[in-house]
Amino acid sequence: VQETAAGVRIVGNLLSNPSQLTKLIDPETPTLVPHVPAILARLDRLETHVSPILSQVLNNKQHLRTIEPYLGEILERFDDIEPHLPWILDHIDILAPYTGLLLKHIDELLLYAEVDEYEAGGSSKDNYAFADQLLPYLEVYVSQLDLVGPHLPLLRPHLPLLLKHNRIKILSPHVGVLFAKGYTDLSASANMDILLFYFGWALRIPFVPRLFFSLPRCPGVVSFLANRLPKRLVRGRCCDVSCYVDNNYGVGWNKLSKNGQE
């Protein structure tokens, strides 16, 4: 009943705004036909997003071509995606080309779509404050998302530290080296606060980061330091707390083989 009522309202709005109907003239629009049942089942929740979808995704902007192959999965995960749809549509030009990879790692990425009151620092809470700051580096991380994906949940608590002093900009070009072992070694991401406490200053020295990450055994050195450096100065009474990820994390999608990594 709710879906039917929403459908009637959507059609009524389209008829009362003929200019929106012209946005349906997209060469890829017919590809939506197989998804019609799933779309109709969610019309009540899609209603408020119809106008931006027409203007941002359709309207011959070529985004539907990259999104449609994954539309079935998007609709399956719509309960998780819908609260963030306004932000996604606002940045669809940047996000659309990477739809497949972003969906593959959606659970990890959704962790970055919320800012708590402590992280907001007393200012007005903006759940996408971090996401907006990370958008410029999207291409770097998406190109290595199978490698970086397992580290994303562990990096999330340390994100304010990574954004401080523009450290994320300095480290991003070296992310492939920093997390070279994928999910076989999560030491760097789990202890990023420790590493930044002791060595964050070095990131601000020109050429030092590039020189360090060019060393042959750099990932092993980072792992050793992350595990052995004293933690009490950083975490106080929580120094014995450690992040845990099951050994089989990412086995279904990560391209790296555990047996093939040293």
C-alpha atoms as a PDB file:
ATOM      1  CA  VAL A   1       0.000   0.000   0.000  1.00  0.00           C
ATOM      2  CA  GLN A   2       2.780   2.435   0.917  1.00  0.00           C
ATOM      3  CA  GLU A   3       4.644   1.613  -2.289  1.00  0.00           C
ATOM      4  CA  THR A   4       1.480   2.158  -4.369  1.00  0.00           C
ATOM      5  CA  ALA A   5       0.778   5.509  -2.727  1.00  0.00           C
ATOM      6  CA  ALA A   6       4.388   6.550  -3.262  1.00  0.00           C
ATOM      7  CA  GLY A   7       4.147   5.523  -6.919  1.00  0.00           C
ATOM      8  CA  VAL A   8       1.049   7.645  -7.412  1.00  0.00           C
ATOM      9  CA  ARG A   9       2.749  10.651  -5.840  1.00  0.00           C
ATOM     10  CA  ILE A  10       5.895  10.166  -7.948  1.00  0.00           C
ATOM     11  CA  VAL A  11       3.898   9.986 -11.183  1.00  0.00           C
ATOM     12  CA  GLY A  12       1.867  13.010 -10.134  1.00  0.00           C
ATOM     13  CA  ASN A  13       5.024  15.022  -9.448  1.00  0.00           C
ATOM     14  CA  LEU A  14       6.505  14.031 -12.798  1.00  0.00           C
ATOM     15  CA  LEU A  15       3.330  15.038 -14.649  1.00  0.00           C
ATOM     16  CA  SER A  16       3.211  18.357 -12.807  1.00  0.00           C
ATOM     17  CA  ASN A  17       6.877  18.987 -13.681  1.00  0.00           C
ATOM     18  CA  PRO A  18       7.258  18.012 -17.344  1.00  0.00           C
ATOM     19  CA  SER A  19      10.882  19.172 -17.333  1.00  0.00           C
ATOM     20  CA  GLN A  20      11.753  16.186 -15.144  1.00  0.00           C
ATOM     21  CA  LEU A  21      10.279  13.799 -17.718  1.00  0.00           C
ATOM     22  CA  THR A  22      12.865  14.928 -20.252  1.00  0.00           C
ATOM     23  CA  LYS A  23      15.582  13.665 -17.927  1.00  0.00           C
ATOM     24  CA  LEU A  24      14.342  10.123 -18.522  1.00  0.00           C
ATOM     25  CA  ILE A  25      15.637  10.418 -22.078  1.00  0.00           C
ATOM     26  CA  ASP A  26      18.829   8.525 -21.329  1.00  0.00           C
ATOM     27  CA  PRO A  27      20.108   5.868 -23.764  1.00  0.00           C
ATOM     28  CA  GLU A  28      20.652   3.514 -20.832  1.00  0.00           C
ATOM     29  CA  THR A  29      17.151   3.904 -19.342  1.00  0.00           C
ATOM     30  CA  PRO A  30      15.842   0.638 -20.919  1.00  0.00           C
ATOM     31  CA  THR A  31      18.449  -1.289 -18.886  1.00  0.00           C
ATOM     32  CA  LEU A  32      16.380  -0.500 -15.786  1.00  0.00           C
ATOM     33  CA  VAL A  33      13.536  -2.781 -16.948  1.00  0.00           C
ATOM     34  CA  PRO A  34      14.880  -5.972 -15.251  1.00  0.00           C
ATOM     35  CA  HIS A  35      15.129  -4.055 -11.972  1.00  0.00           C
ATOM     36  CA  VAL A  36      11.558  -2.709 -12.024  1.00  0.00           C
ATOM     37  CA  PRO A  37      10.147  -5.219  -9.473  1.00  0.00           C
ATOM     38  CA  ALA A  38      12.880  -4.423  -6.949  1.00  0.00           C
ATOM     39  CA  ILE A  39      12.472  -0.688  -7.580  1.00  0.00           C
ATOM     40  CA  LEU A  40       8.701  -0.853  -7.119  1.00  0.00           C
ATOM     41  CA  ALA A  41       9.160  -2.732  -3.845  1.00  0.00           C
ATOM     42  CA  ARG A  42      11.165   0.233  -2.509  1.00  0.00           C
ATOM     43  CA  LEU A  43       9.216   3.120  -4.005  1.00  0.00           C
ATOM     44  CA  ASP A  44       8.185   4.482  -0.625  1.00  0.00           C
ATOM     45  CA  ARG A  45      11.842   4.930   0.340  1.00  0.00           C
ATOM     46  CA  LEU A  46      12.943   6.065  -3.110  1.00  0.00           C
ATOM     47  CA  GLU A  47      10.291   8.764  -3.349  1.00  0.00           C
ATOM     48  CA  THR A  48      12.304  11.584  -1.788  1.00  0.00           C
ATOM     49  CA  HIS A  49      15.311  10.742  -3.966  1.00  0.00           C
ATOM     50  CA  VAL A  50      13.550  10.629  -7.356  1.00  0.00           C
ATOM     51  CA  SER A  51      14.336  14.214  -8.333  1.00  0.00           C
ATOM     52  CA  PRO A  52      18.113  14.074  -7.605  1.00  0.00           C
ATOM     53  CA  ILE A  53      18.333  10.624  -9.222  1.00  0.00           C
ATOM     54  CA  LEU A  54      16.732  11.976 -12.381  1.00  0.00           C
ATOM     55  CA  SER A  55      19.044  14.969 -12.513  1.00  0.00           C
ATOM     56  CA  GLN A  56      22.282  13.353 -11.314  1.00  0.00           C
ATOM     57  CA  VAL A  57      22.161   9.737 -12.527  1.00  0.00           C
ATOM     58  CA  LEU A  58      19.912   9.846 -15.572  1.00  0.00           C
ATOM     59  CA  ASN A  59      19.635  12.953 -17.755  1.00  0.00           C
ATOM     60  CA  ASN A  60      22.147  11.436 -20.187  1.00  0.00           C
ATOM     61  CA  LYS A  61      25.083  11.896 -17.786  1.00  0.00           C
ATOM     62  CA  GLN A  62      26.391   8.395 -18.559  1.00  0.00           C
ATOM     63  CA  HIS A  63      26.370   7.388 -14.885  1.00  0.00           C
ATOM     64  CA  LEU A  64      23.628   4.814 -15.367  1.00  0.00           C
ATOM     65  CA  ARG A  65      25.957   2.842 -17.637  1.00  0.00           C
ATOM     66  CA  THR A  66      28.429   2.288 -14.807  1.00  0.00           C
ATOM     67  CA  ILE A  67      25.832   1.893 -12.048  1.00  0.00           C
ATOM     68  CA  GLU A  68      23.271  -0.427 -13.688  1.00  0.00           C
ATOM     69  CA  PRO A  69      25.408  -3.611 -13.634  1.00  0.00           C
ATOM     70  CA  TYR A  70      25.435  -3.325  -9.844  1.00  0.00           C
ATOM     71  CA  LEU A  71      21.899  -2.011  -9.369  1.00  0.00           C
ATOM     72  CA  GLY A  72      20.617  -5.372  -8.130  1.00  0.00           C
ATOM     73  CA  GLU A  73      23.184  -5.399  -5.337  1.00  0.00           C
ATOM     74  CA  ILE A  74      22.512  -1.730  -4.581  1.00  0.00           C
ATOM     75  CA  LEU A  75      18.820  -2.466  -4.127  1.00  0.00           C
ATOM     76  CA  GLU A  76      19.613  -5.485  -1.934  1.00  0.00           C
ATOM     77  CA  ARG A  77      21.703  -3.257   0.334  1.00  0.00           C
ATOM     78  CA  PHE A  78      19.322  -0.320   0.063  1.00  0.00           C
ATOM     79  CA  ASP A  79      18.530  -0.311   3.787  1.00  0.00           C
ATOM     80  CA  ASP A  80      22.205   0.415   4.472  1.00  0.00           C
ATOM     81  CA  ILE A  81      22.710   2.784   1.553  1.00  0.00           C
ATOM     82  CA  GLU A  82      19.518   4.877   1.676  1.00  0.00           C
ATOM     83  CA  PRO A  83      20.437   7.018   4.727  1.00  0.00           C
ATOM     84  CA  HIS A  84      23.557   8.146   2.857  1.00  0.00           C
ATOM     85  CA  LEU A  85      21.948   8.523  -0.575  1.00  0.00           C
ATOM     86  CA  PRO A  86      21.751  12.358  -0.524  1.00  0.00           C
ATOM     87  CA  TRP A  87      25.518  12.577   0.077  1.00  0.00           C
ATOM     88  CA  ILE A  88      26.198   9.891  -2.541  1.00  0.00           C
ATOM     89  CA  LEU A  89      24.097  11.710  -5.137  1.00  0.00           C
ATOM     90  CA  ASP A  90      25.833  14.997  -4.343  1.00  0.00           C
ATOM     91  CA  HIS A  91      29.162  13.333  -5.219  1.00  0.00           C
ATOM     92  CA  ILE A  92      27.935  10.907  -7.856  1.00  0.00           C
ATOM     93  CA  ASP A  93      30.298  12.310 -10.509  1.00  0.00           C
ATOM     94  CA  ILE A  94      33.253  11.159  -8.387  1.00  0.00           C
ATOM     95  CA  LEU A  95      31.778   7.920  -7.031  1.00  0.00           C
ATOM     96  CA  ALA A  96      29.938   6.441 -10.024  1.00  0.00           C
ATOM     97  CA  PRO A  97      33.005   5.162 -11.932  1.00  0.00           C
ATOM     98  CA  TYR A  98      33.982   3.056  -8.901  1.00  0.00           C
ATOM     99  CA  THR A  99      30.535   1.620  -8.093  1.00  0.00           C
ATOM    100  CA  GLY A 100      31.596  -2.033  -8.235  1.00  0.00           C
ATOM    101  CA  LEU A 101      34.623  -1.728  -5.983  1.00  0.00           C
ATOM    102  CA  LEU A 102      32.859   0.535  -3.510  1.00  0.00           C
ATOM    103  CA  LEU A 103      29.997  -1.967  -3.205  1.00  0.00           C
ATOM    104  CA  LYS A 104      32.409  -4.819  -2.634  1.00  0.00           C
ATOM    105  CA  HIS A 105      33.755  -3.026   0.433  1.00  0.00           C
ATOM    106  CA  ILE A 106      30.600  -1.208   1.481  1.00  0.00           C
ATOM    107  CA  ASP A 107      30.589  -2.495   5.062  1.00  0.00           C
ATOM    108  CA  GLU A 108      34.060  -1.133   5.737  1.00  0.00           C
ATOM    109  CA  LEU A 109      33.381   2.146   3.918  1.00  0.00           C
ATOM    110  CA  LEU A 110      30.156   2.853   5.798  1.00  0.00           C
ATOM    111  CA  LEU A 111      32.248   3.177   8.953  1.00  0.00           C
ATOM    112  CA  TYR A 112      33.546   6.427   7.490  1.00  0.00           C
ATOM    113  CA  ALA A 113      30.046   7.876   7.059  1.00  0.00           C
ATOM    114  CA  GLU A 114      29.582   8.775  10.701  1.00  0.00           C
ATOM    115  CA  VAL A 115      31.300  11.179  13.068  1.00  0.00           C
ATOM    116  CA  ASP A 116      30.639  10.916  16.785  1.00  0.00           C
ATOM    117  CA  GLU A 117      30.328  13.856  19.176  1.00  0.00           C
ATOM    118  CA  TYR A 118      33.866  13.399  20.508  1.00  0.00           C
ATOM    119  CA  GLU A 119      35.328  13.553  16.996  1.00  0.00           C
ATOM    120  CA  ALA A 120      33.179  16.580  16.177  1.00  0.00           C
ATOM    121  CA  GLY A 121      34.993  18.410  18.983  1.00  0.00           C
ATOM    122  CA  GLY A 122      31.958  20.264  20.230  1.00  0.00           C
ATOM    123  CA  SER A 123      31.137  21.785  16.842  1.00  0.00           C
ATOM    124  CA  SER A 124      27.989  20.952  14.920  1.00  0.00           C
ATOM    125  CA  LYS A 125      28.003  17.284  14.033  1.00  0.00           C
ATOM    126  CA  ASP A 126      28.530  16.489  10.365  1.00  0.00           C
ATOM    127  CA  ASN A 127      28.534  12.764   9.651  1.00  0.00           C
ATOM    128  CA  TYR A 128      30.329  13.326   6.358  1.00  0.00           C
ATOM    129  CA  ALA A 129      33.055  15.634   7.634  1.00  0.00           C
ATOM    130  CA  PHE A 130      35.643  12.875   7.284  1.00  0.00           C
ATOM    131  CA  ALA A 131      34.240  11.492   4.048  1.00  0.00           C
ATOM    132  CA  ASP A 132      34.431  14.931   2.437  1.00  0.00           C
ATOM    133  CA  GLN A 133      38.092  15.234   3.405  1.00  0.00           C
ATOM    134  CA  LEU A 134      38.887  11.797   2.006  1.00  0.00           C
ATOM    135  CA  LEU A 135      37.233  12.301  -1.383  1.00  0.00           C
ATOM    136  CA  PRO A 136      40.361  13.836  -2.996  1.00  0.00           C
ATOM    137  CA  TYR A 137      42.215  10.570  -2.313  1.00  0.00           C
ATOM    138  CA  LEU A 138      39.442   8.271  -3.528  1.00  0.00           C
ATOM    139  CA  GLU A 139      41.202   7.256  -6.730  1.00  0.00           C
ATOM    140  CA  VAL A 140      44.377   6.284  -4.861  1.00  0.00           C
ATOM    141  CA  TYR A 141      42.563   4.050  -2.394  1.00  0.00           C
ATOM    142  CA  VAL A 142      40.011   2.593  -4.815  1.00  0.00           C
ATOM    143  CA  SER A 143      42.784   1.467  -7.143  1.00  0.00           C
ATOM    144  CA  GLN A 144      44.156  -0.640  -4.245  1.00  0.00           C
ATOM    145  CA  LEU A 145      40.933  -1.318  -2.360  1.00  0.00           C
ATOM    146  CA  ASP A 146      41.362  -5.105  -2.292  1.00  0.00           C
ATOM    147  CA  LEU A 147      44.703  -4.491  -0.598  1.00  0.00           C
ATOM    148  CA  VAL A 148      43.591  -1.706   1.727  1.00  0.00           C
ATOM    149  CA  GLY A 149      40.079  -3.015   2.431  1.00  0.00           C
ATOM    150  CA  PRO A 150      40.960  -5.185   5.460  1.00  0.00           C
ATOM    151  CA  HIS A 151      42.693  -2.223   7.089  1.00  0.00           C
ATOM    152  CA  LEU A 152      39.777   0.199   6.802  1.00  0.00           C
ATOM    153  CA  PRO A 153      37.894  -0.891   9.970  1.00  0.00           C
ATOM    154  CA  LEU A 154      41.116  -0.738  11.993  1.00  0.00           C
ATOM    155  CA  LEU A 155      42.119   2.649  10.601  1.00  0.00           C
ATOM    156  CA  ARG A 156      38.765   4.255  11.345  1.00  0.00           C
ATOM    157  CA  PRO A 157      39.479   5.074  15.051  1.00  0.00           C
ATOM    158  CA  HIS A 158      42.749   6.705  14.001  1.00  0.00           C
ATOM    159  CA  LEU A 159      41.261   8.814  11.200  1.00  0.00           C
ATOM    160  CA  PRO A 160      41.352  12.126  13.117  1.00  0.00           C
ATOM    161  CA  LEU A 161      45.084  11.586  13.674  1.00  0.00           C
ATOM    162  CA  LEU A 162      45.619  10.802   9.991  1.00  0.00           C
ATOM    163  CA  LEU A 163      43.809  13.966   8.937  1.00  0.00           C
ATOM    164  CA  LYS A 164      45.794  16.076  11.387  1.00  0.00           C
ATOM    165  CA  HIS A 165      48.681  18.019   9.821  1.00  0.00           C
ATOM    166  CA  ASN A 166      47.569  16.644   6.434  1.00  0.00           C
ATOM    167  CA  ARG A 167      49.215  13.304   7.182  1.00  0.00           C
ATOM    168  CA  ILE A 168      46.706  11.494   4.970  1.00  0.00           C
ATOM    169  CA  LYS A 169      47.992  13.434   1.951  1.00  0.00           C
ATOM    170  CA  ILE A 170      51.586  12.473   2.739  1.00  0.00           C
ATOM    171  CA  LEU A 171      50.850   8.782   3.366  1.00  0.00           C
ATOM    172  CA  SER A 172      48.353   8.166   0.555  1.00  0.00           C
ATOM    173  CA  PRO A 173      50.923   7.795  -2.260  1.00  0.00           C
ATOM    174  CA  HIS A 174      52.635   5.068  -0.198  1.00  0.00           C
ATOM    175  CA  VAL A 175      49.552   3.136   0.912  1.00  0.00           C
ATOM    176  CA  GLY A 176      50.454   0.198  -1.333  1.00  0.00           C
ATOM    177  CA  VAL A 177      53.757  -0.189   0.516  1.00  0.00           C
ATOM    178  CA  LEU A 178      52.380   0.547   3.969  1.00  0.00           C
ATOM    179  CA  PHE A 179      49.742  -2.188   3.677  1.00  0.00           C
ATOM    180  CA  ALA A 180      51.632  -4.396   1.232  1.00  0.00           C
ATOM    181  CA  LYS A 181      50.707  -7.643   2.993  1.00  0.00           C
ATOM    182  CA  GLY A 182      46.982  -7.058   2.822  1.00  0.00           C
ATOM    183  CA  TYR A 183      45.033  -8.959   5.466  1.00  0.00           C
ATOM    184  CA  THR A 184      47.998 -11.156   6.373  1.00  0.00           C
ATOM    185  CA  ASP A 185      49.466  -8.355   8.494  1.00  0.00           C
ATOM    186  CA  LEU A 186      47.190  -5.729  10.046  1.00  0.00           C
ATOM    187  CA  SER A 187      49.765  -4.375  12.493  1.00  0.00           C
ATOM    188  CA  ALA A 188      50.176  -0.967  10.879  1.00  0.00           C
ATOM    189  CA  SER A 189      46.470  -0.137  10.743  1.00  0.00           C
ATOM    190  CA  ALA A 190      45.688  -1.533  14.201  1.00  0.00           C
ATOM    191  CA  ASN A 191      48.514   0.504  15.734  1.00  0.00           C
ATOM    192  CA  MET A 192      48.443   3.595  13.547  1.00  0.00           C
ATOM    193  CA  ASP A 193      48.056   5.805  16.618  1.00  0.00           C
ATOM    194  CA  ILE A 194      51.295   4.363  18.022  1.00  0.00           C
ATOM    195  CA  LEU A 195      53.206   4.895  14.787  1.00  0.00           C
ATOM    196  CA  LEU A 196      51.985   8.468  14.423  1.00  0.00           C
ATOM    197  CA  PHE A 197      52.811   9.283  18.041  1.00  0.00           C
ATOM    198  CA  TYR A 198      56.449   8.267  17.604  1.00  0.00           C
ATOM    199  CA  PHE A 199      57.042   9.132  13.959  1.00  0.00           C
ATOM    200  CA  GLY A 200      54.337  11.593  12.930  1.00  0.00           C
ATOM    201  CA  TRP A 201      56.877  14.414  13.098  1.00  0.00           C
ATOM    202  CA  ALA A 202      59.023  12.708  10.449  1.00  0.00           C
ATOM    203  CA  LEU A 203      56.201  12.900   7.913  1.00  0.00           C
ATOM    204  CA  ARG A 204      56.576  16.674   7.869  1.00  0.00           C
ATOM    205  CA  ILE A 205      60.225  16.540   6.789  1.00  0.00           C
ATOM    206  CA  PRO A 206      60.541  16.838   2.989  1.00  0.00           C
ATOM    207  CA  PHE A 207      61.624  13.675   1.162  1.00  0.00           C
ATOM    208  CA  VAL A 208      61.830  11.563   4.346  1.00  0.00           C
ATOM    209  CA  PRO A 209      58.522   9.691   3.771  1.00  0.00           C
ATOM    210  CA  ARG A 210      59.398   8.964   0.139  1.00  0.00           C
ATOM    211  CA  LEU A 211      62.865   7.752   1.110  1.00  0.00           C
ATOM    212  CA  PHE A 212      61.579   5.529   3.909  1.00  0.00           C
ATOM    213  CA  PHE A 213      58.807   3.899   1.876  1.00  0.00           C
ATOM    214  CA  SER A 214      61.270   3.161  -0.926  1.00  0.00           C
ATOM    215  CA  LEU A 215      63.315   0.878   1.352  1.00  0.00           C
ATOM    216  CA  PRO A 216      63.053  -2.807   0.335  1.00  0.00           C
ATOM    217  CA  ARG A 217      61.959  -4.084   3.760  1.00  0.00           C
ATOM    218  CA  CYS A 218      59.814  -1.115   4.686  1.00  0.00           C
ATOM    219  CA  PRO A 219      56.578  -3.115   5.363  1.00  0.00           C
ATOM    220  CA  GLY A 220      58.445  -5.446   7.718  1.00  0.00           C
ATOM    221  CA  VAL A 221      60.023  -2.523   9.570  1.00  0.00           C
ATOM    222  CA  VAL A 222      56.630  -0.836   9.986  1.00  0.00           C
ATOM    223  CA  SER A 223      55.100  -4.067  11.284  1.00  0.00           C
ATOM    224  CA  PHE A 224      57.934  -4.602  13.744  1.00  0.00           C
ATOM    225  CA  LEU A 225      57.711  -1.054  15.103  1.00  0.00           C
ATOM    226  CA  ALA A 226      53.913  -1.170  15.309  1.00  0.00           C
ATOM    227  CA  ASN A 227      54.043  -4.302  17.450  1.00  0.00           C
ATOM    228  CA  ARG A 228      57.088  -3.483  19.615  1.00  0.00           C
ATOM    229  CA  LEU A 229      56.930   0.228  20.393  1.00  0.00           C
ATOM    230  CA  PRO A 230      55.695   1.043  23.939  1.00  0.00           C
ATOM    231  CA  LYS A 231      51.965   1.770  23.910  1.00  0.00           C
ATOM    232  CA  ARG A 232      51.375   3.070  27.423  1.00  0.00           C
ATOM    233  CA  LEU A 233      52.460   6.625  26.585  1.00  0.00           C
ATOM    234  CA  VAL A 234      49.788   6.729  23.878  1.00  0.00           C
ATOM    235  CA  ARG A 235      46.923   4.650  25.207  1.00  0.00           C
ATOM    236  CA  GLY A 236      47.442   4.872  28.940  1.00  0.00           C
ATOM    237  CA  ARG A 237      45.393   2.250  30.783  1.00  0.00           C
ATOM    238  CA  CYS A 238      44.143   0.928  27.464  1.00  0.00           C
ATOM    239  CA  CYS A 239      47.646  -0.023  26.348  1.00  0.00           C
ATOM    240  CA  ASP A 240      46.820  -3.730  26.535  1.00  0.00           C
ATOM    241  CA  VAL A 241      43.735  -3.383  24.341  1.00  0.00           C
ATOM    242  CA  SER A 242      44.266  -4.721  20.845  1.00  0.00           C
ATOM    243  CA  CYS A 243      42.110  -4.789  17.738  1.00  0.00           C
ATOM    244  CA  TYR A 244      41.129  -8.203  16.468  1.00  0.00           C
ATOM    245  CA  VAL A 245      40.062  -9.341  13.036  1.00  0.00           C
ATOM    246  CA  ASP A 246      39.309 -12.970  12.312  1.00  0.00           C
ATOM    247  CA  ASN A 247      41.998 -14.741  10.306  1.00  0.00           C
ATOM    248  CA  ASN A 248      39.554 -15.442   7.489  1.00  0.00           C
ATOM    249  CA  TYR A 249      38.629 -11.789   7.045  1.00  0.00           C
ATOM    250  CA  GLY A 250      38.473 -10.904   3.373  1.00  0.00           C
ATOM    251  CA  VAL A 251      39.032 -14.444   2.134  1.00  0.00           C
ATOM    252  CA  GLY A 252      35.970 -14.174  -0.080  1.00  0.00           C
ATOM    253  CA  TRP A 253      37.062 -11.088  -1.994  1.00  0.00           C
ATOM    254  CA  ASN A 254      40.698 -10.242  -1.337  1.00  0.00           C
ATOM    255  CA  LYS A 255      42.916 -11.051  -4.294  1.00  0.00           C
ATOM    256  CA  LEU A 256      45.931 -11.728  -2.120  1.00  0.00           C
ATOM    257  CA  SER A 257      46.622 -15.308  -1.150  1.00  0.00           C
ATOM    258  CA  LYS A 258      47.625 -15.871   2.440  1.00  0.00           C
ATOM    259  CA  ASN A 259      49.942 -18.664   1.417  1.00  0.00           C
ATOM    260  CA  GLY A 260      51.439 -16.527  -1.303  1.00  0.00           C
ATOM    261  CA  GLN A 261      52.436 -13.662   0.950  1.00  0.00           C
ATOM    262  CA  GLU A 262      55.513 -13.566   3.084  1.00  0.00           C
END
